Amino acid sequence: MALIVPKIQKDMEKAIVSAMTNAFSDSKDADPDAYKKFASALAEGITKTIVSALQQDAEVIPGIATAGSPSAQSSVTPGKIF
């Protein structure tokens, strides 16, 4: 599955806004517009860092089941990130 940064970033942004709205729902100083700006900045930094780490630094644990002859060795099951 491809890691699509803009989609992950938007999903993360929604989750952060929702969490902040819930956490500060009883506050008289609640500022939903500020939450959106803050969530956008957080989501961008976090998403880019995580996706970069997964794409560049993660290793797949060996032993993934394969199909075909030993020379074909195409993976038929998802791997586990180490």
Protein backbone atom coordinates (compact mmCIF):
# COMPACT_ATOMS: atom_id res chain seq x y z
CA MET A 1 0.00 0.00 0.00
CA ALA A 2 1.36 3.39 -0.95
CA LEU A 3 1.87 6.01 1.75
CA ILE A 4 0.14 9.10 0.42
CA VAL A 5 1.38 12.03 2.49
CA PRO A 6 -1.47 14.50 1.75
CA LYS A 7 -4.16 11.94 2.69
CA ILE A 8 -2.38 10.85 5.88
CA GLN A 9 -1.77 14.50 6.76
CA LYS A 10 -5.46 15.42 6.35
CA ASP A 11 -6.56 12.39 8.40
CA MET A 12 -4.07 13.27 11.14
CA GLU A 13 -5.18 16.91 11.09
CA LYS A 14 -8.83 15.88 11.57
CA ALA A 15 -7.89 13.60 14.45
CA ILE A 16 -5.84 16.34 16.16
CA VAL A 17 -8.62 18.94 15.78
CA SER A 18 -11.14 16.46 17.17
CA ALA A 19 -8.92 15.61 20.15
CA MET A 20 -8.25 19.29 20.92
CA THR A 21 -11.93 20.17 20.61
CA ASN A 22 -12.83 17.38 23.03
CA ALA A 23 -10.04 18.23 25.46
CA PHE A 24 -10.91 21.92 25.62
CA SER A 25 -14.68 21.72 25.15
CA ASP A 26 -15.37 23.13 28.61
CA SER A 27 -12.91 26.01 28.27
CA LYS A 28 -14.31 29.51 27.92
CA ASP A 29 -11.24 30.42 25.85
CA ALA A 30 -11.76 27.65 23.26
CA ASP A 31 -10.66 28.78 19.78
CA PRO A 32 -11.58 26.29 17.03
CA ASP A 33 -9.79 28.36 14.36
CA ALA A 34 -6.56 28.25 16.33
CA TYR A 35 -7.01 24.48 16.77
CA LYS A 36 -7.20 24.05 13.00
CA LYS A 37 -4.02 26.06 12.38
CA PHE A 38 -2.17 24.27 15.15
CA ALA A 39 -3.41 20.86 14.00
CA SER A 40 -2.36 21.60 10.42
CA ALA A 41 1.19 22.46 11.48
CA LEU A 42 1.46 19.44 13.77
CA ALA A 43 0.01 17.06 11.17
CA GLU A 44 2.44 18.25 8.50
CA GLY A 45 5.52 17.76 10.65
CA ILE A 46 4.44 14.46 12.16
CA THR A 47 3.23 12.95 8.88
CA LYS A 48 6.36 13.86 6.93
CA THR A 49 8.57 12.47 9.69
CA ILE A 50 6.67 9.19 10.02
CA VAL A 51 6.31 8.56 6.28
CA SER A 52 9.97 9.34 5.70
CA ALA A 53 11.00 6.94 8.47
CA LEU A 54 8.78 4.18 7.10
CA GLN A 55 10.00 4.62 3.54
CA GLN A 56 13.69 5.09 4.25
CA ASP A 57 14.57 3.48 7.57
CA ALA A 58 12.10 0.64 8.21
CA GLU A 59 13.16 -2.95 7.63
CA VAL A 60 10.85 -5.84 6.84
CA ILE A 61 11.30 -8.90 9.00
CA PRO A 62 12.52 -11.85 6.90
CA GLY A 63 10.50 -15.00 6.48
CA ILE A 64 7.57 -13.65 4.49
CA ALA A 65 5.77 -16.46 2.69
CA THR A 66 6.45 -16.55 -1.04
CA ALA A 67 4.73 -18.06 -4.05
CA GLY A 68 6.22 -19.94 -6.95
CA SER A 69 9.56 -21.57 -7.38
CA PRO A 70 12.52 -20.58 -5.21
CA SER A 71 13.83 -18.45 -8.07
CA ALA A 72 10.56 -16.47 -8.40
CA GLN A 73 10.20 -15.57 -4.72
CA SER A 74 7.30 -13.12 -4.98
CA SER A 75 5.75 -12.21 -1.66
CA VAL A 76 2.14 -13.23 -1.14
CA THR A 77 1.63 -11.93 2.40
CA PRO A 78 2.27 -8.52 3.96
CA GLY A 79 5.50 -8.13 5.87
CA LYS A 80 5.98 -6.88 9.39
CA ILE A 81 7.95 -3.71 9.99
CA PHE A 82 10.86 -4.24 12.34
